[in-house]
Amino acid sequence: ERFAQMKGITKHKKSRKVWDDISQTWKPRWGKDRIDSVKDKWCLEVPDNADPYEDQFEKLSKARNERRAKNEFNRLKNIARTVKKGQAPPVGVLSEAEASKNAL
């Protein structure tokens, strides 16, 4: 704390809502009806080096799903790293039986 005070570092939270200039309203930073949502983009520009017949909306959703999968994988790696041998897995980690049940 003294180091932060000496360096002039202050704690401040990010606000939950952000001003959207396009709609002139306050929108959540994340979650439902968030700012910069794919649903708000009714038109996407096709890059010069991209295939013009490629679906840009599908490309965005694929990238978003890949980011989610990577985040989940990293979360599970972090849990596996912190769990000690013989310790029960924390809440939110599925056993093999539960995972296969959900896959059906």
C-alpha atoms as a PDB file:
ATOM      1  CA  GLU A   1       0.000   0.000   0.000  1.00  0.00           C
ATOM      2  CA  ARG A   2       2.852   2.360   0.778  1.00  0.00           C
ATOM      3  CA  PHE A   3       4.476   1.510  -2.549  1.00  0.00           C
ATOM      4  CA  ALA A   4       1.239   2.277  -4.405  1.00  0.00           C
ATOM      5  CA  GLN A   5       0.827   5.521  -2.497  1.00  0.00           C
ATOM      6  CA  MET A   6       4.441   6.482  -3.199  1.00  0.00           C
ATOM      7  CA  LYS A   7       4.003   5.792  -6.931  1.00  0.00           C
ATOM      8  CA  GLY A   8       0.609   7.507  -7.089  1.00  0.00           C
ATOM      9  CA  ILE A   9      -1.311   4.331  -7.968  1.00  0.00           C
ATOM     10  CA  THR A  10      -4.979   4.499  -7.034  1.00  0.00           C
ATOM     11  CA  LYS A  11      -7.647   1.814  -7.087  1.00  0.00           C
ATOM     12  CA  HIS A  12     -10.714   2.531  -9.197  1.00  0.00           C
ATOM     13  CA  LYS A  13     -13.446   0.210 -10.403  1.00  0.00           C
ATOM     14  CA  LYS A  14     -14.660  -0.003 -13.978  1.00  0.00           C
ATOM     15  CA  SER A  15     -18.213   1.177 -14.284  1.00  0.00           C
ATOM     16  CA  ARG A  16     -20.798  -1.387 -15.310  1.00  0.00           C
ATOM     17  CA  LYS A  17     -22.447   0.877 -17.880  1.00  0.00           C
ATOM     18  CA  VAL A  18     -20.834   2.662 -20.827  1.00  0.00           C
ATOM     19  CA  TRP A  19     -22.218   5.516 -22.928  1.00  0.00           C
ATOM     20  CA  ASP A  20     -23.041   4.415 -26.477  1.00  0.00           C
ATOM     21  CA  ASP A  21     -22.755   7.330 -28.904  1.00  0.00           C
ATOM     22  CA  ILE A  22     -24.670   5.555 -31.656  1.00  0.00           C
ATOM     23  CA  SER A  23     -27.845   4.846 -29.684  1.00  0.00           C
ATOM     24  CA  GLN A  24     -27.343   7.749 -27.240  1.00  0.00           C
ATOM     25  CA  THR A  25     -28.043   5.482 -24.247  1.00  0.00           C
ATOM     26  CA  TRP A  26     -26.164   3.816 -21.427  1.00  0.00           C
ATOM     27  CA  LYS A  27     -25.394   0.156 -22.195  1.00  0.00           C
ATOM     28  CA  PRO A  28     -23.807  -2.584 -20.094  1.00  0.00           C
ATOM     29  CA  ARG A  29     -20.105  -3.141 -20.613  1.00  0.00           C
ATOM     30  CA  TRP A  30     -20.723  -6.930 -20.746  1.00  0.00           C
ATOM     31  CA  GLY A  31     -23.673  -9.316 -20.762  1.00  0.00           C
ATOM     32  CA  LYS A  32     -27.046  -8.939 -22.448  1.00  0.00           C
ATOM     33  CA  ASP A  33     -27.501  -5.879 -24.708  1.00  0.00           C
ATOM     34  CA  ARG A  34     -23.815  -5.034 -24.267  1.00  0.00           C
ATOM     35  CA  ILE A  35     -22.042  -2.330 -26.167  1.00  0.00           C
ATOM     36  CA  ASP A  36     -20.373  -3.374 -29.439  1.00  0.00           C
ATOM     37  CA  SER A  37     -22.530  -6.470 -29.752  1.00  0.00           C
ATOM     38  CA  VAL A  38     -22.641  -8.463 -32.985  1.00  0.00           C
ATOM     39  CA  LYS A  39     -26.421  -8.020 -33.001  1.00  0.00           C
ATOM     40  CA  ASP A  40     -25.962  -4.245 -33.282  1.00  0.00           C
ATOM     41  CA  LYS A  41     -23.829  -4.635 -36.401  1.00  0.00           C
ATOM     42  CA  TRP A  42     -26.293  -5.020 -39.246  1.00  0.00           C
ATOM     43  CA  CYS A  43     -23.537  -4.435 -41.808  1.00  0.00           C
ATOM     44  CA  LEU A  44     -19.913  -5.592 -41.719  1.00  0.00           C
ATOM     45  CA  GLU A  45     -17.152  -4.412 -44.006  1.00  0.00           C
ATOM     46  CA  VAL A  46     -15.384  -7.154 -45.943  1.00  0.00           C
ATOM     47  CA  PRO A  47     -11.576  -6.788 -45.816  1.00  0.00           C
ATOM     48  CA  ASP A  48      -9.753  -6.419 -49.140  1.00  0.00           C
ATOM     49  CA  ASN A  49      -7.766  -9.621 -48.693  1.00  0.00           C
ATOM     50  CA  ALA A  50     -10.797 -11.735 -47.627  1.00  0.00           C
ATOM     51  CA  ASP A  51     -13.064 -13.885 -49.748  1.00  0.00           C
ATOM     52  CA  PRO A  52     -16.121 -11.737 -50.636  1.00  0.00           C
ATOM     53  CA  TYR A  53     -18.448 -14.744 -50.338  1.00  0.00           C
ATOM     54  CA  GLU A  54     -17.298 -15.614 -46.817  1.00  0.00           C
ATOM     55  CA  ASP A  55     -19.871 -14.915 -44.097  1.00  0.00           C
ATOM     56  CA  GLN A  56     -18.340 -12.236 -41.845  1.00  0.00           C
ATOM     57  CA  PHE A  57     -20.995 -12.714 -39.138  1.00  0.00           C
ATOM     58  CA  GLU A  58     -20.162 -16.412 -38.915  1.00  0.00           C
ATOM     59  CA  LYS A  59     -16.478 -15.538 -38.767  1.00  0.00           C
ATOM     60  CA  LEU A  60     -17.112 -13.196 -35.809  1.00  0.00           C
ATOM     61  CA  SER A  61     -19.192 -15.751 -33.943  1.00  0.00           C
ATOM     62  CA  LYS A  62     -16.546 -18.440 -34.557  1.00  0.00           C
ATOM     63  CA  ALA A  63     -13.848 -16.164 -33.160  1.00  0.00           C
ATOM     64  CA  ARG A  64     -16.012 -15.398 -30.115  1.00  0.00           C
ATOM     65  CA  ASN A  65     -16.646 -19.109 -29.496  1.00  0.00           C
ATOM     66  CA  GLU A  66     -12.920 -19.843 -29.828  1.00  0.00           C
ATOM     67  CA  ARG A  67     -12.139 -17.124 -27.250  1.00  0.00           C
ATOM     68  CA  ARG A  68     -14.719 -18.643 -24.890  1.00  0.00           C
ATOM     69  CA  ALA A  69     -13.254 -22.131 -25.336  1.00  0.00           C
ATOM     70  CA  LYS A  70      -9.723 -20.848 -24.747  1.00  0.00           C
ATOM     71  CA  ASN A  71     -10.863 -19.028 -21.602  1.00  0.00           C
ATOM     72  CA  GLU A  72     -12.591 -22.162 -20.275  1.00  0.00           C
ATOM     73  CA  PHE A  73      -9.511 -24.275 -21.033  1.00  0.00           C
ATOM     74  CA  ASN A  74      -7.270 -21.816 -19.194  1.00  0.00           C
ATOM     75  CA  ARG A  75      -9.717 -21.776 -16.254  1.00  0.00           C
ATOM     76  CA  LEU A  76      -9.578 -25.559 -15.986  1.00  0.00           C
ATOM     77  CA  LYS A  77      -5.767 -25.536 -16.261  1.00  0.00           C
ATOM     78  CA  ASN A  78      -5.610 -23.002 -13.413  1.00  0.00           C
ATOM     79  CA  ILE A  79      -7.885 -25.176 -11.269  1.00  0.00           C
ATOM     80  CA  ALA A  80      -5.825 -28.287 -12.025  1.00  0.00           C
ATOM     81  CA  ARG A  81      -2.658 -26.426 -11.094  1.00  0.00           C
ATOM     82  CA  THR A  82      -4.019 -25.267  -7.736  1.00  0.00           C
ATOM     83  CA  VAL A  83      -5.726 -28.503  -6.629  1.00  0.00           C
ATOM     84  CA  LYS A  84      -3.430 -30.599  -4.466  1.00  0.00           C
ATOM     85  CA  LYS A  85      -3.205 -34.376  -4.674  1.00  0.00           C
ATOM     86  CA  GLY A  86      -6.036 -36.062  -2.759  1.00  0.00           C
ATOM     87  CA  GLN A  87      -8.068 -32.854  -2.571  1.00  0.00           C
ATOM     88  CA  ALA A  88     -11.629 -32.793  -3.913  1.00  0.00           C
ATOM     89  CA  PRO A  89     -12.093 -30.695  -7.081  1.00  0.00           C
ATOM     90  CA  PRO A  90     -13.727 -27.312  -6.505  1.00  0.00           C
ATOM     91  CA  VAL A  91     -17.249 -26.374  -7.525  1.00  0.00           C
ATOM     92  CA  GLY A  92     -17.638 -25.821 -11.263  1.00  0.00           C
ATOM     93  CA  VAL A  93     -15.414 -28.689 -12.387  1.00  0.00           C
ATOM     94  CA  LEU A  94     -17.326 -31.560 -13.924  1.00  0.00           C
ATOM     95  CA  SER A  95     -16.377 -35.158 -13.371  1.00  0.00           C
ATOM     96  CA  GLU A  96     -16.032 -37.435 -16.402  1.00  0.00           C
ATOM     97  CA  ALA A  97     -19.495 -38.976 -15.830  1.00  0.00           C
ATOM     98  CA  GLU A  98     -21.218 -35.569 -15.676  1.00  0.00           C
ATOM     99  CA  ALA A  99     -19.318 -34.285 -18.717  1.00  0.00           C
ATOM    100  CA  SER A 100     -20.355 -37.275 -20.843  1.00  0.00           C
ATOM    101  CA  LYS A 101     -23.956 -36.897 -19.668  1.00  0.00           C
ATOM    102  CA  ASN A 102     -24.014 -33.295 -20.926  1.00  0.00           C
ATOM    103  CA  ALA A 103     -22.407 -34.260 -24.241  1.00  0.00           C
ATOM    104  CA  LEU A 104     -25.411 -36.420 -25.098  1.00  0.00           C
END
